[in-house]
Amino acid sequence: MLIFGGLALADSSVKCAEKVMRPGDICTTTRKGVTSERTYDEQRSYNRRVGVIMTAAGPVVLVVSGALLASSIRRRRSSAVPAKPATPRA
């Protein structure tokens, strides 16, 4: 997510799906049967907002995943059967 967000922010072209828009173009999209239209300026703003969200969400996902992994490893280690203690030699 972090990489895709960074790429979206670095891309100066305004895109509607994969098509590059020019001033005066209208981006028409349909989701779940609802059609929406955005002007060139609205689409540029939307693309930037999505890039910022993806860039911010990337590290959050990374930290949460790392915490869950660490927790899982700790839990697994604590529930492991302890090794048989060594008998002292005389």
Protein backbone atom coordinates (compact mmCIF):
# COMPACT_ATOMS: atom_id res chain seq x y z
CA MET A 1 0.00 0.00 0.00
CA LEU A 2 2.78 2.37 0.88
CA ILE A 3 4.46 1.84 -2.49
CA PHE A 4 1.23 2.18 -4.49
CA GLY A 5 0.30 5.30 -2.54
CA GLY A 6 3.70 6.81 -3.22
CA LEU A 7 3.39 6.00 -6.90
CA ALA A 8 -0.07 7.54 -7.02
CA LEU A 9 1.22 10.72 -5.40
CA ALA A 10 4.24 10.88 -7.71
CA ASP A 11 2.12 10.51 -10.86
CA SER A 12 1.23 13.99 -12.07
CA SER A 13 -1.26 12.80 -14.69
CA VAL A 14 -4.96 12.69 -13.83
CA LYS A 15 -6.42 9.27 -14.56
CA CYS A 16 -9.92 7.90 -14.74
CA ALA A 17 -9.41 4.16 -14.39
CA GLU A 18 -6.46 3.74 -16.78
CA LYS A 19 -7.33 6.60 -19.14
CA VAL A 20 -5.42 9.87 -18.82
CA MET A 21 -7.80 12.81 -18.50
CA ARG A 22 -7.43 16.33 -19.86
CA PRO A 23 -9.08 19.52 -18.58
CA GLY A 24 -12.73 19.49 -19.63
CA ASP A 25 -13.03 15.66 -19.50
CA ILE A 26 -15.59 13.93 -17.29
CA CYS A 27 -14.77 10.69 -15.46
CA THR A 28 -17.80 8.41 -15.28
CA THR A 29 -17.63 5.37 -12.99
CA THR A 30 -20.24 2.85 -11.91
CA ARG A 31 -20.06 0.98 -8.60
CA LYS A 32 -22.74 -1.35 -7.33
CA GLY A 33 -25.15 0.05 -9.87
CA VAL A 34 -24.53 3.69 -8.88
CA THR A 35 -22.97 5.92 -11.52
CA SER A 36 -20.92 8.94 -10.51
CA GLU A 37 -19.28 11.65 -12.58
CA ARG A 38 -16.23 13.71 -11.68
CA THR A 39 -14.72 16.65 -13.51
CA TYR A 40 -11.00 16.82 -14.25
CA ASP A 41 -10.34 18.86 -11.08
CA GLU A 42 -12.53 16.60 -8.91
CA GLN A 43 -10.76 13.49 -10.25
CA ARG A 44 -7.33 15.06 -9.63
CA SER A 45 -8.38 15.77 -6.03
CA TYR A 46 -9.80 12.25 -5.64
CA ASN A 47 -6.61 10.63 -7.01
CA ARG A 48 -4.48 12.67 -4.61
CA ARG A 49 -6.71 11.80 -1.64
CA VAL A 50 -6.54 8.08 -2.46
CA GLY A 51 -2.73 8.32 -2.76
CA VAL A 52 -2.46 10.00 0.66
CA ILE A 53 -4.77 7.43 2.26
CA MET A 54 -2.83 4.52 0.78
CA THR A 55 0.50 6.05 1.82
CA ALA A 56 -0.75 6.57 5.38
CA ALA A 57 -2.47 3.18 5.62
CA GLY A 58 0.62 1.24 4.46
CA PRO A 59 2.67 1.75 7.64
CA VAL A 60 -0.41 1.18 9.82
CA VAL A 61 -1.02 -2.20 8.17
CA LEU A 62 2.67 -3.04 8.55
CA VAL A 63 2.75 -2.20 12.27
CA VAL A 64 -0.51 -4.04 13.05
CA SER A 65 0.65 -7.11 11.08
CA GLY A 66 4.00 -7.08 12.91
CA ALA A 67 2.27 -6.82 16.29
CA LEU A 68 -0.07 -9.71 15.47
CA LEU A 69 2.84 -11.83 14.27
CA ALA A 70 4.90 -11.09 17.39
CA SER A 71 1.91 -11.87 19.61
CA SER A 72 1.33 -15.15 17.82
CA ILE A 73 4.98 -16.16 18.15
CA ARG A 74 5.03 -15.30 21.88
CA ARG A 75 1.84 -17.25 22.48
CA ARG A 76 3.20 -20.27 20.60
CA ARG A 77 6.47 -20.22 22.54
CA SER A 78 4.75 -19.94 25.92
CA SER A 79 2.43 -22.86 25.18
CA ALA A 80 5.23 -25.15 23.97
CA VAL A 81 5.96 -28.20 26.08
CA PRO A 82 9.01 -27.49 28.26
CA ALA A 83 12.03 -29.68 27.65
CA LYS A 84 12.82 -32.42 30.17
CA PRO A 85 15.31 -31.03 32.71
CA ALA A 86 18.76 -32.52 32.54
CA THR A 87 19.73 -34.82 35.39
CA PRO A 88 22.84 -33.70 37.25
CA ARG A 89 25.86 -35.95 36.94
CA ALA A 90 27.57 -37.20 40.06
